[in-house]
Amino acid sequence: MINTAVRVVAAGTAGVESVDTLLQGSPGHPTGPLRTADLIDLESWSTPCGCCTNGPATSTAAPASRC
């Protein structure tokens, strides 16, 4: 969900606050996925995410590029 949230913001579809507000309270994201990523340190989150990707580079499981 964090990857998708980052991609939505990067594409200009919605702002950070809008995405977090919409998804606040979703399973595992009591503060919204982007605020959660910020709290757990994006570097710490993106490094293991990359090693767990088995699909193509365009997969939604692949780490989102930085904004």
C-alpha atoms as a PDB file:
ATOM      1  CA  MET A   1       0.000   0.000   0.000  1.00  0.00           C
ATOM      2  CA  ILE A   2       2.918   2.364   0.672  1.00  0.00           C
ATOM      3  CA  ASN A   3       4.280   1.804  -2.853  1.00  0.00           C
ATOM      4  CA  THR A   4       0.921   2.589  -4.407  1.00  0.00           C
ATOM      5  CA  ALA A   5       0.541   5.710  -2.263  1.00  0.00           C
ATOM      6  CA  VAL A   6       3.987   6.942  -3.358  1.00  0.00           C
ATOM      7  CA  ARG A   7       3.134   6.310  -7.007  1.00  0.00           C
ATOM      8  CA  VAL A   8      -0.171   8.212  -6.722  1.00  0.00           C
ATOM      9  CA  VAL A   9       1.630  11.251  -5.299  1.00  0.00           C
ATOM     10  CA  ALA A  10       4.513  10.995  -7.802  1.00  0.00           C
ATOM     11  CA  ALA A  11       2.042  10.901 -10.691  1.00  0.00           C
ATOM     12  CA  GLY A  12       0.390  14.064  -9.402  1.00  0.00           C
ATOM     13  CA  THR A  13      -2.953  12.327  -8.974  1.00  0.00           C
ATOM     14  CA  ALA A  14      -3.273  13.420  -5.339  1.00  0.00           C
ATOM     15  CA  GLY A  15      -1.231  15.130  -2.651  1.00  0.00           C
ATOM     16  CA  VAL A  16       0.399  13.492   0.346  1.00  0.00           C
ATOM     17  CA  GLU A  17      -2.213  14.744   2.806  1.00  0.00           C
ATOM     18  CA  SER A  18      -5.082  13.610   0.589  1.00  0.00           C
ATOM     19  CA  VAL A  19      -3.670  10.102   0.200  1.00  0.00           C
ATOM     20  CA  ASP A  20      -2.976   9.736   3.915  1.00  0.00           C
ATOM     21  CA  THR A  21      -6.390  11.090   4.890  1.00  0.00           C
ATOM     22  CA  LEU A  22      -8.165   8.756   2.484  1.00  0.00           C
ATOM     23  CA  LEU A  23      -6.288   5.678   3.668  1.00  0.00           C
ATOM     24  CA  GLN A  24      -6.033   6.564   7.357  1.00  0.00           C
ATOM     25  CA  GLY A  25      -7.350   3.722   9.427  1.00  0.00           C
ATOM     26  CA  SER A  26      -6.671   1.098   6.774  1.00  0.00           C
ATOM     27  CA  PRO A  27      -5.175  -2.130   8.103  1.00  0.00           C
ATOM     28  CA  GLY A  28      -1.647  -1.421   9.267  1.00  0.00           C
ATOM     29  CA  HIS A  29      -1.790   2.322   8.508  1.00  0.00           C
ATOM     30  CA  PRO A  30      -3.360   4.142  11.464  1.00  0.00           C
ATOM     31  CA  THR A  31      -1.718   7.400  10.345  1.00  0.00           C
ATOM     32  CA  GLY A  32      -1.922   6.827   6.581  1.00  0.00           C
ATOM     33  CA  PRO A  33       0.616   4.927   4.475  1.00  0.00           C
ATOM     34  CA  LEU A  34       2.909   7.875   3.685  1.00  0.00           C
ATOM     35  CA  ARG A  35       3.094   9.072   7.283  1.00  0.00           C
ATOM     36  CA  THR A  36       3.748   5.468   8.314  1.00  0.00           C
ATOM     37  CA  ALA A  37       6.613   5.271   5.786  1.00  0.00           C
ATOM     38  CA  ASP A  38       7.989   8.512   7.182  1.00  0.00           C
ATOM     39  CA  LEU A  39       7.826   7.203  10.740  1.00  0.00           C
ATOM     40  CA  ILE A  40       9.599   3.931   9.915  1.00  0.00           C
ATOM     41  CA  ASP A  41      12.235   5.714   7.776  1.00  0.00           C
ATOM     42  CA  LEU A  42      11.810   5.330   4.045  1.00  0.00           C
ATOM     43  CA  GLU A  43      15.372   4.020   3.572  1.00  0.00           C
ATOM     44  CA  SER A  44      14.768   1.200   6.055  1.00  0.00           C
ATOM     45  CA  TRP A  45      11.523   0.309   4.328  1.00  0.00           C
ATOM     46  CA  SER A  46      12.643   0.493   0.686  1.00  0.00           C
ATOM     47  CA  THR A  47      15.823  -1.583   0.987  1.00  0.00           C
ATOM     48  CA  PRO A  48      14.177  -4.838   2.143  1.00  0.00           C
ATOM     49  CA  CYS A  49      11.248  -4.206  -0.196  1.00  0.00           C
ATOM     50  CA  GLY A  50      13.584  -4.331  -3.188  1.00  0.00           C
ATOM     51  CA  CYS A  51      15.074  -7.688  -2.255  1.00  0.00           C
ATOM     52  CA  CYS A  52      11.645  -9.266  -1.905  1.00  0.00           C
ATOM     53  CA  THR A  53      10.455  -8.365  -5.406  1.00  0.00           C
ATOM     54  CA  ASN A  54      10.181 -11.393  -7.659  1.00  0.00           C
ATOM     55  CA  GLY A  55       8.161  -9.795 -10.438  1.00  0.00           C
ATOM     56  CA  PRO A  56       9.118  -7.500 -13.290  1.00  0.00           C
ATOM     57  CA  ALA A  57      10.445  -3.988 -12.584  1.00  0.00           C
ATOM     58  CA  THR A  58       7.010  -2.574 -13.397  1.00  0.00           C
ATOM     59  CA  SER A  59       5.375  -4.664 -10.687  1.00  0.00           C
ATOM     60  CA  THR A  60       3.514  -2.769  -7.969  1.00  0.00           C
ATOM     61  CA  ALA A  61       5.626  -4.775  -5.518  1.00  0.00           C
ATOM     62  CA  ALA A  62       8.819  -3.125  -6.799  1.00  0.00           C
ATOM     63  CA  PRO A  63      10.006  -0.183  -4.717  1.00  0.00           C
ATOM     64  CA  ALA A  64       8.623   3.127  -5.941  1.00  0.00           C
ATOM     65  CA  SER A  65      11.175   5.624  -7.154  1.00  0.00           C
ATOM     66  CA  ARG A  66      11.825   8.558  -4.885  1.00  0.00           C
ATOM     67  CA  CYS A  67       9.898  11.766  -5.476  1.00  0.00           C
END
